[in-house]
Amino acid sequence: MTRRSLLGLPLAAAACSDGGAPAAELRLVTGQPGGAYGQLGDRLAAELRRDGLAVRVLPTAASVQNLTMMADGRADVGFALADTADDAIRVRHQAVSALGRVYMNYVHLVVPAASAITGVGGLAGRRVSIGAQGSGTAVTATRVLAVAGLDRPPALERLELDASVAALRAGGIEAFFWSGGVPTPALEALGGEIRLVPLEPMVAVLRRRFGPVYEHGTVPAGAYGAALPVATVGTPSYLMCRASLPEELAHTVIETVFRARDRLQAPSAPGGRLDPRYAIGTGVVPLHPGAVRYYRSVYG
């Protein structure tokens, strides 16, 4: 998106009411224990509290649940994967808006270090966790498996990240999907116990089937003890809000994100650094008027 097209965005794009007093408490929905959304959400809450806002952090299954809670008014601000947010606007017509694209998530297909699985085709007939019910990971993993052309369906589990890790170590599953920043804390702790399976061939197929929310991504060498980089599927993470969030409050949240970006420590893999030009690229998901006002002030 160009600066000119950003400045031309109609404020009506995210039907927002700015009337009335702001909520007494900002409800921030994050994600699962051990994931980047939880850590980033806690840091963002701390920064907003510095600005005098009362913030309640609500851990969730992540993207799908977060968007539903924002759309029905149970939450104000939260994180979501781009593909899930895209569906929220185009398919479910939920009343949500974007504050910005904040960093790149990487689809992790995790197997034991000694596993014979070397590609997505190796999941045929295997026991695989696709992520928790209500998570963006489950949405992305389901799509990867749908386009993978497996000759036998895998036996699927829907486990949260910590449960997936425990099941893999115990031999209850043979692989699991996770979509998160690099490094993901719960995986970083496993060191050389795990290995990531490359998924880069899936990017073009996913884009043809589901649109440009999927990108080529590379988990850098050294992450999780790997000697070489791993090419995989990238999916941006958006900071979202309910469409009716007051404009001034939305402006305060995104202004705080960029003012405190060094302390927030968004995941550090490529695409991880918070940048206003990166942040405005939210596809079909409309930017909230408060966010538009902030980006206009940045571009002058």
C-alpha atoms as a PDB file:
ATOM      1  CA  MET A   1       0.000   0.000   0.000  1.00  0.00           C
ATOM      2  CA  THR A   2       1.357   3.398  -0.975  1.00  0.00           C
ATOM      3  CA  ARG A   3       1.346   6.513   1.171  1.00  0.00           C
ATOM      4  CA  ARG A   4      -1.128   8.119  -1.237  1.00  0.00           C
ATOM      5  CA  SER A   5      -3.561   5.210  -1.037  1.00  0.00           C
ATOM      6  CA  LEU A   6      -3.258   5.140   2.770  1.00  0.00           C
ATOM      7  CA  LEU A   7      -4.136   8.823   3.070  1.00  0.00           C
ATOM      8  CA  GLY A   8      -7.099   8.290   0.782  1.00  0.00           C
ATOM      9  CA  LEU A   9      -8.664   5.592   2.937  1.00  0.00           C
ATOM     10  CA  PRO A  10     -12.174   6.624   3.929  1.00  0.00           C
ATOM     11  CA  LEU A  11     -12.657   6.734   7.661  1.00  0.00           C
ATOM     12  CA  ALA A  12     -16.006   5.055   7.140  1.00  0.00           C
ATOM     13  CA  ALA A  13     -14.179   1.863   6.179  1.00  0.00           C
ATOM     14  CA  ALA A  14     -14.354   0.643   9.760  1.00  0.00           C
ATOM     15  CA  ALA A  15     -17.726   1.834  10.969  1.00  0.00           C
ATOM     16  CA  CYS A  16     -16.547   3.094  14.313  1.00  0.00           C
ATOM     17  CA  SER A  17     -18.424   5.039  16.928  1.00  0.00           C
ATOM     18  CA  ASP A  18     -16.318   7.576  18.765  1.00  0.00           C
ATOM     19  CA  GLY A  19     -19.125   8.671  21.025  1.00  0.00           C
ATOM     20  CA  GLY A  20     -19.206   8.310  24.780  1.00  0.00           C
ATOM     21  CA  ALA A  21     -16.490   7.783  27.326  1.00  0.00           C
ATOM     22  CA  PRO A  22     -13.799   5.167  26.760  1.00  0.00           C
ATOM     23  CA  ALA A  23     -14.192   1.804  28.484  1.00  0.00           C
ATOM     24  CA  ALA A  24     -13.075   1.738  32.127  1.00  0.00           C
ATOM     25  CA  GLU A  25     -10.839  -1.214  31.299  1.00  0.00           C
ATOM     26  CA  LEU A  26      -9.208  -2.191  28.014  1.00  0.00           C
ATOM     27  CA  ARG A  27      -9.668  -5.934  27.430  1.00  0.00           C
ATOM     28  CA  LEU A  28      -6.687  -7.332  25.541  1.00  0.00           C
ATOM     29  CA  VAL A  29      -6.994 -10.889  24.152  1.00  0.00           C
ATOM     30  CA  THR A  30      -3.713 -12.646  23.459  1.00  0.00           C
ATOM     31  CA  GLY A  31      -3.002 -16.350  22.946  1.00  0.00           C
ATOM     32  CA  GLN A  32      -1.734 -19.602  24.405  1.00  0.00           C
ATOM     33  CA  PRO A  33       0.924 -20.028  27.093  1.00  0.00           C
ATOM     34  CA  GLY A  34       4.371 -20.353  25.555  1.00  0.00           C
ATOM     35  CA  GLY A  35       3.481 -18.412  22.409  1.00  0.00           C
ATOM     36  CA  ALA A  36       4.508 -14.967  21.192  1.00  0.00           C
ATOM     37  CA  TYR A  37       1.013 -13.455  21.529  1.00  0.00           C
ATOM     38  CA  GLY A  38       1.081 -14.051  25.275  1.00  0.00           C
ATOM     39  CA  GLN A  39       4.491 -12.468  25.787  1.00  0.00           C
ATOM     40  CA  LEU A  40       3.858  -9.567  23.416  1.00  0.00           C
ATOM     41  CA  GLY A  41       0.429  -8.966  24.928  1.00  0.00           C
ATOM     42  CA  ASP A  42       1.822  -8.798  28.460  1.00  0.00           C
ATOM     43  CA  ARG A  43       4.446  -6.277  27.357  1.00  0.00           C
ATOM     44  CA  LEU A  44       1.892  -4.175  25.484  1.00  0.00           C
ATOM     45  CA  ALA A  45      -0.385  -4.176  28.521  1.00  0.00           C
ATOM     46  CA  ALA A  46       2.490  -2.938  30.685  1.00  0.00           C
ATOM     47  CA  GLU A  47       3.197  -0.082  28.262  1.00  0.00           C
ATOM     48  CA  LEU A  48      -0.467   0.948  28.102  1.00  0.00           C
ATOM     49  CA  ARG A  49      -0.610   0.964  31.886  1.00  0.00           C
ATOM     50  CA  ARG A  50       2.326   3.391  31.844  1.00  0.00           C
ATOM     51  CA  ASP A  51      -0.004   5.677  29.880  1.00  0.00           C
ATOM     52  CA  GLY A  52      -2.594   5.423  32.630  1.00  0.00           C
ATOM     53  CA  LEU A  53      -4.908   2.889  30.992  1.00  0.00           C
ATOM     54  CA  ALA A  54      -6.421   0.039  32.970  1.00  0.00           C
ATOM     55  CA  VAL A  55      -5.763  -3.139  30.972  1.00  0.00           C
ATOM     56  CA  ARG A  56      -6.994  -6.687  31.551  1.00  0.00           C
ATOM     57  CA  VAL A  57      -5.106  -9.397  29.634  1.00  0.00           C
ATOM     58  CA  LEU A  58      -7.207 -12.403  28.623  1.00  0.00           C
ATOM     59  CA  PRO A  59      -5.287 -15.518  27.476  1.00  0.00           C
ATOM     60  CA  THR A  60      -7.175 -17.386  24.727  1.00  0.00           C
ATOM     61  CA  ALA A  61      -6.799 -20.048  22.055  1.00  0.00           C
ATOM     62  CA  ALA A  62      -5.759 -17.077  19.863  1.00  0.00           C
ATOM     63  CA  SER A  63      -6.902 -15.848  16.441  1.00  0.00           C
ATOM     64  CA  VAL A  64     -10.399 -17.247  15.843  1.00  0.00           C
ATOM     65  CA  GLN A  65     -11.460 -16.854  19.457  1.00  0.00           C
ATOM     66  CA  ASN A  66      -9.909 -13.386  19.666  1.00  0.00           C
ATOM     67  CA  LEU A  67     -11.763 -12.115  16.615  1.00  0.00           C
ATOM     68  CA  THR A  68     -15.055 -13.557  17.832  1.00  0.00           C
ATOM     69  CA  MET A  69     -14.629 -11.918  21.243  1.00  0.00           C
ATOM     70  CA  MET A  70     -13.823  -8.553  19.672  1.00  0.00           C
ATOM     71  CA  ALA A  71     -16.715  -8.789  17.209  1.00  0.00           C
ATOM     72  CA  ASP A  72     -19.285  -9.552  19.903  1.00  0.00           C
ATOM     73  CA  GLY A  73     -17.966  -6.939  22.325  1.00  0.00           C
ATOM     74  CA  ARG A  74     -16.306  -9.186  24.926  1.00  0.00           C
ATOM     75  CA  ALA A  75     -12.835  -7.835  24.034  1.00  0.00           C
ATOM     76  CA  ASP A  76     -11.425  -4.568  22.734  1.00  0.00           C
ATOM     77  CA  VAL A  77      -7.990  -5.301  21.248  1.00  0.00           C
ATOM     78  CA  GLY A  78      -6.152  -8.497  20.349  1.00  0.00           C
ATOM     79  CA  PHE A  79      -3.940 -10.425  17.980  1.00  0.00           C
ATOM     80  CA  ALA A  80      -4.906 -12.520  14.954  1.00  0.00           C
ATOM     81  CA  LEU A  81      -3.252 -14.208  12.006  1.00  0.00           C
ATOM     82  CA  ALA A  82      -3.811 -12.578   8.625  1.00  0.00           C
ATOM     83  CA  ASP A  83      -5.628 -15.549   7.080  1.00  0.00           C
ATOM     84  CA  THR A  84      -8.087 -15.731   9.981  1.00  0.00           C
ATOM     85  CA  ALA A  85      -8.614 -11.953   9.938  1.00  0.00           C
ATOM     86  CA  ASP A  86      -9.155 -12.099   6.173  1.00  0.00           C
ATOM     87  CA  ASP A  87     -11.905 -14.703   6.726  1.00  0.00           C
ATOM     88  CA  ALA A  88     -13.430 -12.562   9.491  1.00  0.00           C
ATOM     89  CA  ILE A  89     -13.986  -9.738   6.998  1.00  0.00           C
ATOM     90  CA  ARG A  90     -14.712 -11.547   3.732  1.00  0.00           C
ATOM     91  CA  VAL A  91     -16.577 -14.633   4.970  1.00  0.00           C
ATOM     92  CA  ARG A  92     -17.927 -14.012   8.475  1.00  0.00           C
ATOM     93  CA  HIS A  93     -18.445 -10.221   8.072  1.00  0.00           C
ATOM     94  CA  GLN A  94     -17.385  -9.588  11.649  1.00  0.00           C
ATOM     95  CA  ALA A  95     -17.247  -6.065  13.056  1.00  0.00           C
ATOM     96  CA  VAL A  96     -13.482  -5.876  13.533  1.00  0.00           C
ATOM     97  CA  SER A  97     -10.739  -3.569  12.275  1.00  0.00           C
ATOM     98  CA  ALA A  98      -6.960  -3.629  12.109  1.00  0.00           C
ATOM     99  CA  LEU A  99      -4.623  -1.410  14.083  1.00  0.00           C
ATOM    100  CA  GLY A 100      -1.641  -2.698  12.118  1.00  0.00           C
ATOM    101  CA  ARG A 101       0.362  -5.589  10.787  1.00  0.00           C
ATOM    102  CA  VAL A 102       2.877  -6.110  13.564  1.00  0.00           C
ATOM    103  CA  TYR A 103       5.165  -9.011  12.652  1.00  0.00           C
ATOM    104  CA  MET A 104       5.505 -12.148  10.554  1.00  0.00           C
ATOM    105  CA  ASN A 105       4.424 -15.522  11.877  1.00  0.00           C
ATOM    106  CA  TYR A 106       6.063 -18.663  10.610  1.00  0.00           C
ATOM    107  CA  VAL A 107       4.261 -21.967  10.214  1.00  0.00           C
ATOM    108  CA  HIS A 108       6.203 -24.533  12.222  1.00  0.00           C
ATOM    109  CA  LEU A 109       5.701 -28.194  11.348  1.00  0.00           C
ATOM    110  CA  VAL A 110       7.474 -29.741  14.329  1.00  0.00           C
ATOM    111  CA  VAL A 111       8.735 -33.329  14.522  1.00  0.00           C
ATOM    112  CA  PRO A 112      11.200 -35.120  16.812  1.00  0.00           C
ATOM    113  CA  ALA A 113      14.798 -34.562  15.729  1.00  0.00           C
ATOM    114  CA  ALA A 114      15.150 -38.233  14.737  1.00  0.00           C
ATOM    115  CA  SER A 115      11.846 -38.412  12.815  1.00  0.00           C
ATOM    116  CA  ALA A 116      11.759 -39.849   9.295  1.00  0.00           C
ATOM    117  CA  ILE A 117       9.298 -37.120   8.218  1.00  0.00           C
ATOM    118  CA  THR A 118      11.076 -34.764   5.820  1.00  0.00           C
ATOM    119  CA  GLY A 119       8.150 -33.145   4.001  1.00  0.00           C
ATOM    120  CA  VAL A 120       4.429 -32.543   4.404  1.00  0.00           C
ATOM    121  CA  GLY A 121       3.743 -35.721   2.412  1.00  0.00           C
ATOM    122  CA  GLY A 122       5.227 -37.683   5.284  1.00  0.00           C
ATOM    123  CA  LEU A 123       2.207 -36.806   7.435  1.00  0.00           C
ATOM    124  CA  ALA A 124       0.007 -39.316   5.594  1.00  0.00           C
ATOM    125  CA  GLY A 125      -1.489 -41.685   8.130  1.00  0.00           C
ATOM    126  CA  ARG A 126       0.416 -40.072  11.033  1.00  0.00           C
ATOM    127  CA  ARG A 127      -0.888 -38.726  14.335  1.00  0.00           C
ATOM    128  CA  VAL A 128      -0.717 -34.945  14.023  1.00  0.00           C
ATOM    129  CA  SER A 129      -1.858 -32.039  16.181  1.00  0.00           C
ATOM    130  CA  ILE A 130      -3.138 -29.110  14.113  1.00  0.00           C
ATOM    131  CA  GLY A 131      -3.460 -26.703  17.048  1.00  0.00           C
ATOM    132  CA  ALA A 132      -6.143 -25.749  19.530  1.00  0.00           C
ATOM    133  CA  GLN A 133      -9.779 -25.322  18.580  1.00  0.00           C
ATOM    134  CA  GLY A 134     -10.299 -21.615  17.937  1.00  0.00           C
ATOM    135  CA  SER A 135      -6.665 -20.949  17.039  1.00  0.00           C
ATOM    136  CA  GLY A 136      -5.265 -19.455  13.855  1.00  0.00           C
ATOM    137  CA  THR A 137      -2.777 -22.321  13.779  1.00  0.00           C
ATOM    138  CA  ALA A 138      -5.652 -24.768  13.285  1.00  0.00           C
ATOM    139  CA  VAL A 139      -6.993 -22.694  10.371  1.00  0.00           C
ATOM    140  CA  THR A 140      -3.611 -22.565   8.623  1.00  0.00           C
ATOM    141  CA  ALA A 141      -2.759 -26.211   9.340  1.00  0.00           C
ATOM    142  CA  THR A 142      -6.113 -27.387   7.989  1.00  0.00           C
ATOM    143  CA  ARG A 143      -5.455 -25.481   4.787  1.00  0.00           C
ATOM    144  CA  VAL A 144      -1.924 -26.864   4.425  1.00  0.00           C
ATOM    145  CA  LEU A 145      -3.240 -30.402   4.777  1.00  0.00           C
ATOM    146  CA  ALA A 146      -6.112 -29.691   2.352  1.00  0.00           C
ATOM    147  CA  VAL A 147      -3.715 -28.717  -0.449  1.00  0.00           C
ATOM    148  CA  ALA A 148      -0.949 -31.211   0.367  1.00  0.00           C
ATOM    149  CA  GLY A 149      -2.431 -34.066  -1.688  1.00  0.00           C
ATOM    150  CA  LEU A 150      -1.774 -36.740   0.960  1.00  0.00           C
ATOM    151  CA  ASP A 151      -2.543 -40.304  -0.095  1.00  0.00           C
ATOM    152  CA  ARG A 152      -3.944 -41.075   3.384  1.00  0.00           C
ATOM    153  CA  PRO A 153      -5.450 -38.617   5.855  1.00  0.00           C
ATOM    154  CA  PRO A 154      -3.554 -38.072   9.095  1.00  0.00           C
ATOM    155  CA  ALA A 155      -5.171 -38.781  12.458  1.00  0.00           C
ATOM    156  CA  LEU A 156      -5.778 -35.290  13.790  1.00  0.00           C
ATOM    157  CA  GLU A 157      -5.608 -33.933  17.326  1.00  0.00           C
ATOM    158  CA  ARG A 158      -6.487 -30.394  18.401  1.00  0.00           C
ATOM    159  CA  LEU A 159      -4.024 -29.581  21.147  1.00  0.00           C
ATOM    160  CA  GLU A 160      -2.752 -26.304  22.539  1.00  0.00           C
ATOM    161  CA  LEU A 161       0.951 -25.584  22.144  1.00  0.00           C
ATOM    162  CA  ASP A 162       2.091 -26.881  25.536  1.00  0.00           C
ATOM    163  CA  ALA A 163      -0.052 -30.010  25.152  1.00  0.00           C
ATOM    164  CA  SER A 164       1.363 -30.582  21.658  1.00  0.00           C
ATOM    165  CA  VAL A 165       4.905 -30.357  23.003  1.00  0.00           C
ATOM    166  CA  ALA A 166       4.099 -32.809  25.807  1.00  0.00           C
ATOM    167  CA  ALA A 167       2.375 -35.251  23.435  1.00  0.00           C
ATOM    168  CA  LEU A 168       5.280 -35.157  20.970  1.00  0.00           C
ATOM    169  CA  ARG A 169       7.816 -35.862  23.716  1.00  0.00           C
ATOM    170  CA  ALA A 170       5.659 -38.723  25.049  1.00  0.00           C
ATOM    171  CA  GLY A 171       5.142 -40.271  21.615  1.00  0.00           C
ATOM    172  CA  GLY A 172       1.398 -39.586  21.594  1.00  0.00           C
ATOM    173  CA  ILE A 173       1.682 -37.658  18.328  1.00  0.00           C
ATOM    174  CA  GLU A 174       4.293 -37.730  15.580  1.00  0.00           C
ATOM    175  CA  ALA A 175       4.135 -34.095  14.491  1.00  0.00           C
ATOM    176  CA  PHE A 176       2.379 -30.856  15.288  1.00  0.00           C
ATOM    177  CA  PHE A 177       1.697 -27.510  13.659  1.00  0.00           C
ATOM    178  CA  TRP A 178       2.340 -24.177  15.299  1.00  0.00           C
ATOM    179  CA  SER A 179       2.124 -20.723  13.778  1.00  0.00           C
ATOM    180  CA  GLY A 180       4.133 -18.167  15.686  1.00  0.00           C
ATOM    181  CA  GLY A 181       7.066 -15.816  15.794  1.00  0.00           C
ATOM    182  CA  VAL A 182      10.661 -16.932  15.840  1.00  0.00           C
ATOM    183  CA  PRO A 183      11.739 -17.895  18.330  1.00  0.00           C
ATOM    184  CA  THR A 184       8.614 -19.262  19.992  1.00  0.00           C
ATOM    185  CA  PRO A 185       9.555 -19.549  23.678  1.00  0.00           C
ATOM    186  CA  ALA A 186       7.999 -22.980  24.272  1.00  0.00           C
ATOM    187  CA  LEU A 187       9.925 -24.432  21.325  1.00  0.00           C
ATOM    188  CA  GLU A 188      13.164 -22.617  22.024  1.00  0.00           C
ATOM    189  CA  ALA A 189      13.313 -24.463  25.342  1.00  0.00           C
ATOM    190  CA  LEU A 190      13.426 -27.823  23.508  1.00  0.00           C
ATOM    191  CA  GLY A 191      16.801 -27.160  21.903  1.00  0.00           C
ATOM    192  CA  GLY A 192      17.946 -30.117  19.800  1.00  0.00           C
ATOM    193  CA  GLU A 193      14.961 -32.335  20.651  1.00  0.00           C
ATOM    194  CA  ILE A 194      12.931 -31.108  17.675  1.00  0.00           C
ATOM    195  CA  ARG A 195      13.288 -30.357  13.979  1.00  0.00           C
ATOM    196  CA  LEU A 196      11.219 -28.194  11.615  1.00  0.00           C
ATOM    197  CA  VAL A 197       9.931 -29.683   8.368  1.00  0.00           C
ATOM    198  CA  PRO A 198      10.203 -27.388   5.304  1.00  0.00           C
ATOM    199  CA  LEU A 199       6.840 -26.168   3.945  1.00  0.00           C
ATOM    200  CA  GLU A 200       7.949 -23.664   1.291  1.00  0.00           C
ATOM    201  CA  PRO A 201       6.412 -25.635  -1.646  1.00  0.00           C
ATOM    202  CA  MET A 202       2.999 -25.057  -0.064  1.00  0.00           C
ATOM    203  CA  VAL A 203       3.156 -21.258  -0.423  1.00  0.00           C
ATOM    204  CA  ALA A 204       2.231 -21.025  -4.104  1.00  0.00           C
ATOM    205  CA  VAL A 205      -0.562 -23.578  -3.715  1.00  0.00           C
ATOM    206  CA  LEU A 206      -1.995 -21.793  -0.680  1.00  0.00           C
ATOM    207  CA  ARG A 207      -1.888 -18.438  -2.458  1.00  0.00           C
ATOM    208  CA  ARG A 208      -3.745 -19.826  -5.482  1.00  0.00           C
ATOM    209  CA  ARG A 209      -6.410 -21.396  -3.292  1.00  0.00           C
ATOM    210  CA  PHE A 210      -6.787 -18.854  -0.488  1.00  0.00           C
ATOM    211  CA  GLY A 211      -5.180 -15.585  -1.606  1.00  0.00           C
ATOM    212  CA  PRO A 212      -2.068 -13.492  -0.928  1.00  0.00           C
ATOM    213  CA  VAL A 213      -2.171 -13.699   2.882  1.00  0.00           C
ATOM    214  CA  TYR A 214       0.509 -16.393   2.638  1.00  0.00           C
ATOM    215  CA  GLU A 215       4.140 -15.495   1.982  1.00  0.00           C
ATOM    216  CA  HIS A 216       7.493 -17.168   1.605  1.00  0.00           C
ATOM    217  CA  GLY A 217       9.287 -17.244   4.932  1.00  0.00           C
ATOM    218  CA  THR A 218      12.512 -18.625   6.325  1.00  0.00           C
ATOM    219  CA  VAL A 219      13.201 -19.651   9.893  1.00  0.00           C
ATOM    220  CA  PRO A 220      16.822 -18.561  10.352  1.00  0.00           C
ATOM    221  CA  ALA A 221      19.701 -20.925  11.028  1.00  0.00           C
ATOM    222  CA  GLY A 222      20.302 -21.281  14.732  1.00  0.00           C
ATOM    223  CA  ALA A 223      16.625 -21.177  15.692  1.00  0.00           C
ATOM    224  CA  TYR A 224      15.744 -24.174  17.839  1.00  0.00           C
ATOM    225  CA  GLY A 225      19.270 -25.490  17.494  1.00  0.00           C
ATOM    226  CA  ALA A 226      19.085 -25.998  13.707  1.00  0.00           C
ATOM    227  CA  ALA A 227      22.304 -25.652  11.733  1.00  0.00           C
ATOM    228  CA  LEU A 228      20.537 -24.552   8.532  1.00  0.00           C
ATOM    229  CA  PRO A 229      17.613 -22.222   7.733  1.00  0.00           C
ATOM    230  CA  VAL A 230      14.212 -23.796   7.067  1.00  0.00           C
ATOM    231  CA  ALA A 231      11.956 -22.440   4.314  1.00  0.00           C
ATOM    232  CA  THR A 232       8.310 -22.375   5.289  1.00  0.00           C
ATOM    233  CA  VAL A 233       4.994 -20.539   5.026  1.00  0.00           C
ATOM    234  CA  GLY A 234       4.772 -17.036   6.452  1.00  0.00           C
ATOM    235  CA  THR A 235       1.540 -15.469   7.686  1.00  0.00           C
ATOM    236  CA  PRO A 236       1.511 -11.938   9.128  1.00  0.00           C
ATOM    237  CA  SER A 237       0.093 -11.202  12.566  1.00  0.00           C
ATOM    238  CA  TYR A 238      -2.256  -8.251  12.908  1.00  0.00           C
ATOM    239  CA  LEU A 239      -3.109  -6.224  15.985  1.00  0.00           C
ATOM    240  CA  MET A 240      -6.897  -6.007  15.742  1.00  0.00           C
ATOM    241  CA  CYS A 241      -9.722  -4.271  17.595  1.00  0.00           C
ATOM    242  CA  ARG A 242     -13.492  -4.162  17.707  1.00  0.00           C
ATOM    243  CA  ALA A 243     -14.767  -1.807  15.003  1.00  0.00           C
ATOM    244  CA  SER A 244     -16.622   0.293  17.599  1.00  0.00           C
ATOM    245  CA  LEU A 245     -13.504   1.042  19.650  1.00  0.00           C
ATOM    246  CA  PRO A 246     -13.389   4.837  20.228  1.00  0.00           C
ATOM    247  CA  GLU A 247     -11.017   6.522  17.798  1.00  0.00           C
ATOM    248  CA  GLU A 248      -8.924   8.180  20.480  1.00  0.00           C
ATOM    249  CA  LEU A 249      -8.387   4.896  22.300  1.00  0.00           C
ATOM    250  CA  ALA A 250      -7.404   3.090  19.092  1.00  0.00           C
ATOM    251  CA  HIS A 251      -4.960   5.906  18.319  1.00  0.00           C
ATOM    252  CA  THR A 252      -3.444   5.618  21.804  1.00  0.00           C
ATOM    253  CA  VAL A 253      -2.944   1.860  21.473  1.00  0.00           C
ATOM    254  CA  ILE A 254      -1.143   1.947  18.126  1.00  0.00           C
ATOM    255  CA  GLU A 255       0.857   5.042  19.090  1.00  0.00           C
ATOM    256  CA  THR A 256       2.020   3.155  22.197  1.00  0.00           C
ATOM    257  CA  VAL A 257       2.997   0.140  20.094  1.00  0.00           C
ATOM    258  CA  PHE A 258       5.423   2.208  18.038  1.00  0.00           C
ATOM    259  CA  ARG A 259       6.646   4.436  20.831  1.00  0.00           C
ATOM    260  CA  ALA A 260       7.549   1.370  22.889  1.00  0.00           C
ATOM    261  CA  ARG A 261       8.541  -0.998  20.072  1.00  0.00           C
ATOM    262  CA  ASP A 262      12.046  -1.629  21.422  1.00  0.00           C
ATOM    263  CA  ARG A 263      10.639  -2.696  24.775  1.00  0.00           C
ATOM    264  CA  LEU A 264       7.859  -4.748  23.187  1.00  0.00           C
ATOM    265  CA  GLN A 265      10.442  -6.982  21.498  1.00  0.00           C
ATOM    266  CA  ALA A 266       8.293  -8.372  18.695  1.00  0.00           C
ATOM    267  CA  PRO A 267       9.684 -11.672  17.367  1.00  0.00           C
ATOM    268  CA  SER A 268      13.030 -10.972  15.743  1.00  0.00           C
ATOM    269  CA  ALA A 269      12.984 -13.138  12.613  1.00  0.00           C
ATOM    270  CA  PRO A 270      12.691 -11.295   9.254  1.00  0.00           C
ATOM    271  CA  GLY A 271       9.491  -9.263   9.243  1.00  0.00           C
ATOM    272  CA  GLY A 272       9.515  -9.066  13.002  1.00  0.00           C
ATOM    273  CA  ARG A 273      10.557  -5.444  13.418  1.00  0.00           C
ATOM    274  CA  LEU A 274       7.695  -3.074  13.890  1.00  0.00           C
ATOM    275  CA  ASP A 275       7.663  -0.494  11.110  1.00  0.00           C
ATOM    276  CA  PRO A 276       4.862   1.878  10.039  1.00  0.00           C
ATOM    277  CA  ARG A 277       5.258   1.108   6.329  1.00  0.00           C
ATOM    278  CA  TYR A 278       4.981  -2.606   7.080  1.00  0.00           C
ATOM    279  CA  ALA A 279       2.103  -2.036   9.504  1.00  0.00           C
ATOM    280  CA  ILE A 280      -0.378  -0.523   7.045  1.00  0.00           C
ATOM    281  CA  GLY A 281      -0.436  -3.599   4.778  1.00  0.00           C
ATOM    282  CA  THR A 282      -3.513  -5.358   6.160  1.00  0.00           C
ATOM    283  CA  GLY A 283      -5.097  -6.429   2.874  1.00  0.00           C
ATOM    284  CA  VAL A 284      -8.902  -6.556   2.893  1.00  0.00           C
ATOM    285  CA  VAL A 285      -8.988  -5.922   6.626  1.00  0.00           C
ATOM    286  CA  PRO A 286      -9.806  -2.204   7.095  1.00  0.00           C
ATOM    287  CA  LEU A 287      -7.598  -0.064   9.265  1.00  0.00           C
ATOM    288  CA  HIS A 288      -9.438   1.502  12.185  1.00  0.00           C
ATOM    289  CA  PRO A 289      -9.872   5.294  11.848  1.00  0.00           C
ATOM    290  CA  GLY A 290      -7.713   5.818  14.941  1.00  0.00           C
ATOM    291  CA  ALA A 291      -4.916   3.832  13.286  1.00  0.00           C
ATOM    292  CA  VAL A 292      -5.341   5.762  10.031  1.00  0.00           C
ATOM    293  CA  ARG A 293      -4.938   9.005  11.973  1.00  0.00           C
ATOM    294  CA  TYR A 294      -1.750   7.720  13.567  1.00  0.00           C
ATOM    295  CA  TYR A 295      -0.197   6.618  10.259  1.00  0.00           C
ATOM    296  CA  ARG A 296      -1.142   9.915   8.637  1.00  0.00           C
ATOM    297  CA  SER A 297       0.756  11.707  11.399  1.00  0.00           C
ATOM    298  CA  VAL A 298       3.805   9.482  10.774  1.00  0.00           C
ATOM    299  CA  TYR A 299       3.816  10.133   7.026  1.00  0.00           C
ATOM    300  CA  GLY A 300       3.315  13.871   7.500  1.00  0.00           C
END
